[in-house]
Amino acid sequence: MRTAKAHPVAGWLRVEGRIYSATLDRILSDRDKQMLDDPSCSGLPPASRDWFWSVQLPRLVSDLKIREQVIERQAALAAMRQAIADQIRLQAGVLIEEQHQIDCEIALLEQVLM
């Protein structure tokens, strides 16, 4: 890749200028179509996002450099997901302990009230 730019749909993906330009043209076309129905729309058109995931990216992964980036992204997302899962387990453990202490105190109060 000579000059790599961040892909307009997936900023983590670095692509050649020709791919960037073709993608941007597609996004602008999709935006123009979307604005006919909803003049107040903003952001990436859903049609562009769908096209990227279902058509463009599957074609692009035949390029080994793109494929490597997709694999790296997948690994990075898996690591982020695992870190979140670890945080959830840690926080859940703390909350479960707090809940247990509350249950114990409720049981003691119920005992006193009997």
Protein backbone atom coordinates (compact mmCIF):
# COMPACT_ATOMS: atom_id res chain seq x y z
CA MET A 1 0.00 0.00 0.00
CA ARG A 2 1.49 3.31 -1.03
CA THR A 3 -0.64 5.84 0.79
CA ALA A 4 -3.07 4.37 3.26
CA LYS A 5 -6.08 6.28 4.51
CA ALA A 6 -8.58 5.43 7.19
CA HIS A 7 -11.59 3.78 5.58
CA PRO A 8 -14.65 6.09 5.66
CA VAL A 9 -16.89 3.41 7.20
CA ALA A 10 -14.38 1.48 9.31
CA GLY A 11 -11.76 3.93 10.54
CA TRP A 12 -9.58 1.11 11.85
CA LEU A 13 -9.05 -0.18 8.30
CA ARG A 14 -6.27 1.45 6.25
CA VAL A 15 -6.91 1.40 2.49
CA GLU A 16 -5.35 2.76 -0.68
CA GLY A 17 -6.55 6.09 -2.00
CA ARG A 18 -8.53 4.51 -4.85
CA ILE A 19 -10.55 2.37 -2.42
CA TYR A 20 -11.07 5.35 -0.13
CA SER A 21 -12.31 7.49 -3.05
CA ALA A 22 -14.64 4.81 -4.41
CA THR A 23 -16.07 4.25 -0.93
CA LEU A 24 -16.57 7.94 -0.33
CA ASP A 25 -18.37 8.23 -3.68
CA ARG A 26 -20.67 5.38 -2.63
CA ILE A 27 -21.37 7.03 0.73
CA LEU A 28 -22.21 10.34 -0.92
CA SER A 29 -24.52 8.61 -3.39
CA ASP A 30 -26.25 6.73 -0.58
CA ARG A 31 -26.55 9.97 1.39
CA ASP A 32 -28.13 11.75 -1.58
CA LYS A 33 -30.69 8.94 -1.95
CA GLN A 34 -31.41 8.97 1.78
CA MET A 35 -31.91 12.75 1.79
CA LEU A 36 -34.71 12.42 -0.75
CA ASP A 37 -36.78 10.62 1.90
CA ASP A 38 -35.36 12.31 5.00
CA PRO A 39 -33.78 15.74 4.40
CA SER A 40 -32.74 15.98 8.06
CA CYS A 41 -30.73 12.75 8.05
CA SER A 42 -27.14 12.86 9.20
CA GLY A 43 -24.22 10.53 9.73
CA LEU A 44 -23.25 7.48 7.77
CA PRO A 45 -26.15 6.21 5.68
CA PRO A 46 -27.33 2.75 6.79
CA ALA A 47 -27.13 1.62 3.15
CA SER A 48 -23.40 2.43 3.11
CA ARG A 49 -22.78 0.51 6.32
CA ASP A 50 -24.70 -2.49 5.02
CA TRP A 51 -22.85 -2.36 1.68
CA PHE A 52 -19.49 -2.19 3.46
CA TRP A 53 -20.15 -5.28 5.60
CA SER A 54 -21.97 -7.41 3.03
CA VAL A 55 -20.23 -6.48 -0.24
CA GLN A 56 -17.09 -4.38 0.03
CA LEU A 57 -15.26 -5.93 3.00
CA PRO A 58 -15.78 -9.51 1.80
CA ARG A 59 -14.18 -8.48 -1.49
CA LEU A 60 -11.37 -6.54 0.15
CA VAL A 61 -10.22 -9.43 2.37
CA SER A 62 -8.79 -11.16 -0.68
CA ASP A 63 -5.93 -8.65 -0.34
CA LEU A 64 -3.52 -10.08 2.25
CA LYS A 65 -2.78 -6.65 3.78
CA ILE A 66 -6.48 -6.01 4.30
CA ARG A 67 -6.98 -9.55 5.61
CA GLU A 68 -4.22 -9.02 8.18
CA GLN A 69 -5.91 -5.82 9.37
CA VAL A 70 -9.25 -7.61 9.71
CA ILE A 71 -7.61 -10.39 11.72
CA GLU A 72 -5.85 -7.82 13.92
CA ARG A 73 -9.12 -5.94 14.44
CA GLN A 74 -10.90 -9.17 15.33
CA ALA A 75 -8.20 -9.98 17.90
CA ALA A 76 -8.33 -6.46 19.35
CA LEU A 77 -12.12 -6.64 19.68
CA ALA A 78 -11.88 -10.07 21.31
CA ALA A 79 -9.38 -8.65 23.82
CA MET A 80 -11.66 -5.68 24.55
CA ARG A 81 -14.61 -8.01 24.99
CA GLN A 82 -12.64 -10.19 27.40
CA ALA A 83 -11.56 -7.14 29.40
CA ILE A 84 -15.20 -6.07 29.71
CA ALA A 85 -16.20 -9.61 30.74
CA ASP A 86 -13.48 -9.56 33.41
CA GLN A 87 -14.74 -6.20 34.70
CA ILE A 88 -18.31 -7.50 34.81
CA ARG A 89 -17.23 -10.59 36.78
CA LEU A 90 -15.22 -8.45 39.20
CA GLN A 91 -18.02 -5.93 39.69
CA ALA A 92 -20.65 -8.67 39.92
CA GLY A 93 -18.59 -10.37 42.61
CA VAL A 94 -18.52 -7.16 44.65
CA LEU A 95 -22.26 -6.65 44.19
CA ILE A 96 -23.05 -10.26 45.09
CA GLU A 97 -21.04 -9.86 48.30
CA GLU A 98 -22.90 -6.64 49.15
CA GLN A 99 -26.21 -8.37 48.43
CA HIS A 100 -25.21 -11.25 50.72
CA GLN A 101 -24.39 -8.84 53.55
CA ILE A 102 -27.74 -7.11 53.09
CA ASP A 103 -29.55 -10.48 53.09
CA CYS A 104 -27.78 -11.42 56.32
CA GLU A 105 -28.78 -8.16 57.99
CA ILE A 106 -32.38 -8.55 56.78
CA ALA A 107 -32.46 -12.04 58.26
CA LEU A 108 -31.13 -10.74 61.60
CA LEU A 109 -33.71 -7.92 61.63
CA GLU A 110 -36.51 -10.37 60.84
CA GLN A 111 -35.32 -12.56 63.68
CA VAL A 112 -35.43 -9.62 66.10
CA LEU A 113 -38.92 -8.67 64.99
CA MET A 114 -40.37 -12.13 65.60
